[in-house]
Amino acid sequence: MARYRVSAHARLLAKNAALEAEIASGPWHKATVAAVFFHKIERRRDDINHMAMLKPYYDGIVESGLLEDDDSKHLTTLPAKFEIDKKFPRVELTFTRIE
Protein backbone atom coordinates (compact mmCIF):
# COMPACT_ATOMS: atom_id res chain seq x y z
CA MET A 1 0.00 0.00 0.00
CA ALA A 2 1.37 3.41 -0.90
CA ARG A 3 2.44 5.64 1.98
CA TYR A 4 -0.40 8.12 1.32
CA ARG A 5 -3.04 5.39 1.42
CA VAL A 6 -1.59 3.99 4.64
CA SER A 7 -1.71 7.45 6.20
CA ALA A 8 -5.27 8.06 5.01
CA HIS A 9 -6.33 4.65 6.30
CA ALA A 10 -4.76 5.32 9.71
CA ARG A 11 -6.51 8.69 9.91
CA LEU A 12 -9.85 7.07 9.05
CA LEU A 13 -9.36 4.28 11.61
CA ALA A 14 -8.71 6.81 14.39
CA LYS A 15 -11.60 9.03 13.34
CA ASN A 16 -14.03 6.11 13.29
CA ALA A 17 -12.79 4.79 16.65
CA ALA A 18 -13.36 8.18 18.25
CA LEU A 19 -16.81 8.52 16.69
CA GLU A 20 -17.79 4.98 17.76
CA ALA A 21 -16.77 5.80 21.35
CA GLU A 22 -19.54 8.44 21.30
CA ILE A 23 -17.69 10.84 23.61
CA ALA A 24 -20.08 13.78 23.85
CA SER A 25 -17.68 16.17 25.60
CA GLY A 26 -15.68 17.15 22.50
CA PRO A 27 -14.03 19.12 21.24
CA TRP A 28 -11.46 18.96 24.00
CA HIS A 29 -9.31 22.07 24.22
CA LYS A 30 -6.35 20.30 25.89
CA ALA A 31 -5.40 16.66 26.28
CA THR A 32 -2.52 14.27 26.76
CA VAL A 33 -1.87 11.17 24.70
CA ALA A 34 -0.02 8.07 25.89
CA ALA A 35 1.13 5.45 23.37
CA VAL A 36 1.95 1.85 24.18
CA PHE A 37 3.52 -0.14 21.34
CA PHE A 38 3.11 -3.91 21.59
CA HIS A 39 5.65 -5.84 19.48
CA LYS A 40 6.09 -9.55 18.78
CA ILE A 41 9.75 -9.65 19.83
CA GLU A 42 11.99 -7.90 22.34
CA ARG A 43 14.66 -5.62 20.87
CA ARG A 44 15.85 -2.03 20.99
CA ARG A 45 13.25 0.49 19.82
CA ASP A 46 13.55 4.04 18.52
CA ASP A 47 10.81 5.95 20.31
CA ILE A 48 11.14 9.05 18.09
CA ASN A 49 10.39 7.06 14.92
CA HIS A 50 7.55 5.22 16.59
CA MET A 51 5.93 8.45 17.75
CA ALA A 52 6.26 10.01 14.28
CA MET A 53 4.19 7.14 12.85
CA LEU A 54 1.24 8.25 14.98
CA LYS A 55 0.63 11.62 13.29
CA PRO A 56 -2.17 10.34 10.99
CA TYR A 57 -3.97 8.89 14.00
CA TYR A 58 -3.82 12.23 15.81
CA ASP A 59 -5.22 13.90 12.67
CA GLY A 60 -8.11 11.42 12.69
CA ILE A 61 -8.91 12.25 16.30
CA VAL A 62 -9.02 15.95 15.38
CA GLU A 63 -11.24 15.19 12.34
CA SER A 64 -13.62 13.28 14.60
CA GLY A 65 -14.22 16.47 16.60
CA LEU A 66 -12.94 15.02 19.86
CA LEU A 67 -9.80 17.17 20.02
CA GLU A 68 -9.61 20.83 18.97
CA ASP A 69 -6.14 20.46 17.40
CA ASP A 70 -3.06 18.25 17.69
CA ASP A 71 -0.49 21.02 18.03
CA SER A 72 1.59 21.44 21.19
CA LYS A 73 -0.86 23.99 22.61
CA HIS A 74 -3.66 21.41 22.62
CA LEU A 75 -1.98 18.00 22.84
CA THR A 76 0.83 16.89 25.14
CA THR A 77 2.53 13.70 23.99
CA LEU A 78 3.75 11.47 26.80
CA PRO A 79 6.84 9.26 26.37
CA ALA A 80 6.33 6.05 24.41
CA LYS A 81 6.17 2.71 26.20
CA PHE A 82 7.07 -0.63 24.64
CA GLU A 83 5.62 -4.02 25.57
CA ILE A 84 5.68 -7.53 24.11
CA ASP A 85 2.60 -9.36 22.85
CA LYS A 86 3.65 -12.22 20.56
CA LYS A 87 0.08 -13.00 19.51
CA PHE A 88 -1.39 -9.52 19.00
CA PRO A 89 1.07 -6.72 18.14
CA ARG A 90 -0.63 -3.32 18.20
CA VAL A 91 -0.52 0.28 19.33
CA GLU A 92 -2.81 1.54 22.07
CA LEU A 93 -3.42 5.28 22.33
CA THR A 94 -5.01 6.78 25.42
CA PHE A 95 -6.23 10.35 25.19
CA THR A 96 -6.96 12.07 28.49
CA ARG A 97 -8.78 15.37 28.67
CA ILE A 98 -7.12 18.17 30.66
CA GLU A 99 -9.64 20.46 32.31
C-alpha atoms as a PDB file:
ATOM      1  CA  MET A   1       0.000   0.000   0.000  1.00  0.00           C
ATOM      2  CA  ALA A   2       1.368   3.411  -0.897  1.00  0.00           C
ATOM      3  CA  ARG A   3       2.440   5.644   1.984  1.00  0.00           C
ATOM      4  CA  TYR A   4      -0.401   8.122   1.315  1.00  0.00           C
ATOM      5  CA  ARG A   5      -3.040   5.395   1.418  1.00  0.00           C
ATOM      6  CA  VAL A   6      -1.586   3.988   4.643  1.00  0.00           C
ATOM      7  CA  SER A   7      -1.706   7.451   6.200  1.00  0.00           C
ATOM      8  CA  ALA A   8      -5.273   8.058   5.006  1.00  0.00           C
ATOM      9  CA  HIS A   9      -6.327   4.649   6.297  1.00  0.00           C
ATOM     10  CA  ALA A  10      -4.758   5.320   9.705  1.00  0.00           C
ATOM     11  CA  ARG A  11      -6.508   8.687   9.911  1.00  0.00           C
ATOM     12  CA  LEU A  12      -9.849   7.072   9.048  1.00  0.00           C
ATOM     13  CA  LEU A  13      -9.358   4.282  11.612  1.00  0.00           C
ATOM     14  CA  ALA A  14      -8.713   6.810  14.388  1.00  0.00           C
ATOM     15  CA  LYS A  15     -11.601   9.032  13.341  1.00  0.00           C
ATOM     16  CA  ASN A  16     -14.028   6.109  13.287  1.00  0.00           C
ATOM     17  CA  ALA A  17     -12.788   4.788  16.646  1.00  0.00           C
ATOM     18  CA  ALA A  18     -13.357   8.185  18.249  1.00  0.00           C
ATOM     19  CA  LEU A  19     -16.814   8.515  16.689  1.00  0.00           C
ATOM     20  CA  GLU A  20     -17.794   4.983  17.761  1.00  0.00           C
ATOM     21  CA  ALA A  21     -16.771   5.802  21.345  1.00  0.00           C
ATOM     22  CA  GLU A  22     -19.540   8.440  21.304  1.00  0.00           C
ATOM     23  CA  ILE A  23     -17.692  10.839  23.607  1.00  0.00           C
ATOM     24  CA  ALA A  24     -20.077  13.784  23.846  1.00  0.00           C
ATOM     25  CA  SER A  25     -17.679  16.167  25.599  1.00  0.00           C
ATOM     26  CA  GLY A  26     -15.680  17.154  22.501  1.00  0.00           C
ATOM     27  CA  PRO A  27     -14.029  19.118  21.243  1.00  0.00           C
ATOM     28  CA  TRP A  28     -11.460  18.956  24.003  1.00  0.00           C
ATOM     29  CA  HIS A  29      -9.308  22.074  24.219  1.00  0.00           C
ATOM     30  CA  LYS A  30      -6.353  20.304  25.891  1.00  0.00           C
ATOM     31  CA  ALA A  31      -5.399  16.663  26.282  1.00  0.00           C
ATOM     32  CA  THR A  32      -2.524  14.268  26.761  1.00  0.00           C
ATOM     33  CA  VAL A  33      -1.872  11.166  24.705  1.00  0.00           C
ATOM     34  CA  ALA A  34      -0.021   8.071  25.885  1.00  0.00           C
ATOM     35  CA  ALA A  35       1.134   5.455  23.368  1.00  0.00           C
ATOM     36  CA  VAL A  36       1.950   1.847  24.177  1.00  0.00           C
ATOM     37  CA  PHE A  37       3.519  -0.143  21.340  1.00  0.00           C
ATOM     38  CA  PHE A  38       3.115  -3.913  21.595  1.00  0.00           C
ATOM     39  CA  HIS A  39       5.654  -5.844  19.484  1.00  0.00           C
ATOM     40  CA  LYS A  40       6.093  -9.548  18.784  1.00  0.00           C
ATOM     41  CA  ILE A  41       9.751  -9.646  19.835  1.00  0.00           C
ATOM     42  CA  GLU A  42      11.990  -7.896  22.344  1.00  0.00           C
ATOM     43  CA  ARG A  43      14.658  -5.615  20.867  1.00  0.00           C
ATOM     44  CA  ARG A  44      15.849  -2.033  20.992  1.00  0.00           C
ATOM     45  CA  ARG A  45      13.245   0.488  19.821  1.00  0.00           C
ATOM     46  CA  ASP A  46      13.549   4.043  18.525  1.00  0.00           C
ATOM     47  CA  ASP A  47      10.806   5.948  20.309  1.00  0.00           C
ATOM     48  CA  ILE A  48      11.145   9.048  18.094  1.00  0.00           C
ATOM     49  CA  ASN A  49      10.395   7.059  14.917  1.00  0.00           C
ATOM     50  CA  HIS A  50       7.549   5.219  16.587  1.00  0.00           C
ATOM     51  CA  MET A  51       5.931   8.445  17.751  1.00  0.00           C
ATOM     52  CA  ALA A  52       6.256  10.007  14.282  1.00  0.00           C
ATOM     53  CA  MET A  53       4.194   7.139  12.851  1.00  0.00           C
ATOM     54  CA  LEU A  54       1.240   8.245  14.979  1.00  0.00           C
ATOM     55  CA  LYS A  55       0.629  11.621  13.290  1.00  0.00           C
ATOM     56  CA  PRO A  56      -2.166  10.341  10.987  1.00  0.00           C
ATOM     57  CA  TYR A  57      -3.972   8.888  14.003  1.00  0.00           C
ATOM     58  CA  TYR A  58      -3.824  12.234  15.805  1.00  0.00           C
ATOM     59  CA  ASP A  59      -5.219  13.896  12.671  1.00  0.00           C
ATOM     60  CA  GLY A  60      -8.107  11.420  12.687  1.00  0.00           C
ATOM     61  CA  ILE A  61      -8.907  12.255  16.300  1.00  0.00           C
ATOM     62  CA  VAL A  62      -9.018  15.953  15.383  1.00  0.00           C
ATOM     63  CA  GLU A  63     -11.237  15.188  12.344  1.00  0.00           C
ATOM     64  CA  SER A  64     -13.624  13.282  14.601  1.00  0.00           C
ATOM     65  CA  GLY A  65     -14.219  16.471  16.595  1.00  0.00           C
ATOM     66  CA  LEU A  66     -12.938  15.021  19.859  1.00  0.00           C
ATOM     67  CA  LEU A  67      -9.802  17.173  20.020  1.00  0.00           C
ATOM     68  CA  GLU A  68      -9.612  20.831  18.965  1.00  0.00           C
ATOM     69  CA  ASP A  69      -6.144  20.463  17.402  1.00  0.00           C
ATOM     70  CA  ASP A  70      -3.064  18.246  17.692  1.00  0.00           C
ATOM     71  CA  ASP A  71      -0.494  21.024  18.033  1.00  0.00           C
ATOM     72  CA  SER A  72       1.592  21.443  21.192  1.00  0.00           C
ATOM     73  CA  LYS A  73      -0.863  23.989  22.612  1.00  0.00           C
ATOM     74  CA  HIS A  74      -3.660  21.413  22.624  1.00  0.00           C
ATOM     75  CA  LEU A  75      -1.980  17.999  22.836  1.00  0.00           C
ATOM     76  CA  THR A  76       0.828  16.889  25.138  1.00  0.00           C
ATOM     77  CA  THR A  77       2.530  13.698  23.993  1.00  0.00           C
ATOM     78  CA  LEU A  78       3.746  11.474  26.803  1.00  0.00           C
ATOM     79  CA  PRO A  79       6.845   9.261  26.371  1.00  0.00           C
ATOM     80  CA  ALA A  80       6.326   6.049  24.415  1.00  0.00           C
ATOM     81  CA  LYS A  81       6.166   2.713  26.196  1.00  0.00           C
ATOM     82  CA  PHE A  82       7.069  -0.632  24.645  1.00  0.00           C
ATOM     83  CA  GLU A  83       5.618  -4.018  25.566  1.00  0.00           C
ATOM     84  CA  ILE A  84       5.680  -7.526  24.111  1.00  0.00           C
ATOM     85  CA  ASP A  85       2.602  -9.361  22.850  1.00  0.00           C
ATOM     86  CA  LYS A  86       3.646 -12.216  20.556  1.00  0.00           C
ATOM     87  CA  LYS A  87       0.080 -12.995  19.506  1.00  0.00           C
ATOM     88  CA  PHE A  88      -1.395  -9.516  19.004  1.00  0.00           C
ATOM     89  CA  PRO A  89       1.065  -6.720  18.139  1.00  0.00           C
ATOM     90  CA  ARG A  90      -0.631  -3.323  18.201  1.00  0.00           C
ATOM     91  CA  VAL A  91      -0.515   0.280  19.334  1.00  0.00           C
ATOM     92  CA  GLU A  92      -2.815   1.539  22.071  1.00  0.00           C
ATOM     93  CA  LEU A  93      -3.424   5.282  22.332  1.00  0.00           C
ATOM     94  CA  THR A  94      -5.006   6.779  25.419  1.00  0.00           C
ATOM     95  CA  PHE A  95      -6.227  10.348  25.192  1.00  0.00           C
ATOM     96  CA  THR A  96      -6.959  12.074  28.493  1.00  0.00           C
ATOM     97  CA  ARG A  97      -8.779  15.374  28.674  1.00  0.00           C
ATOM     98  CA  ILE A  98      -7.123  18.171  30.663  1.00  0.00           C
ATOM     99  CA  GLU A  99      -9.644  20.463  32.311  1.00  0.00           C
END
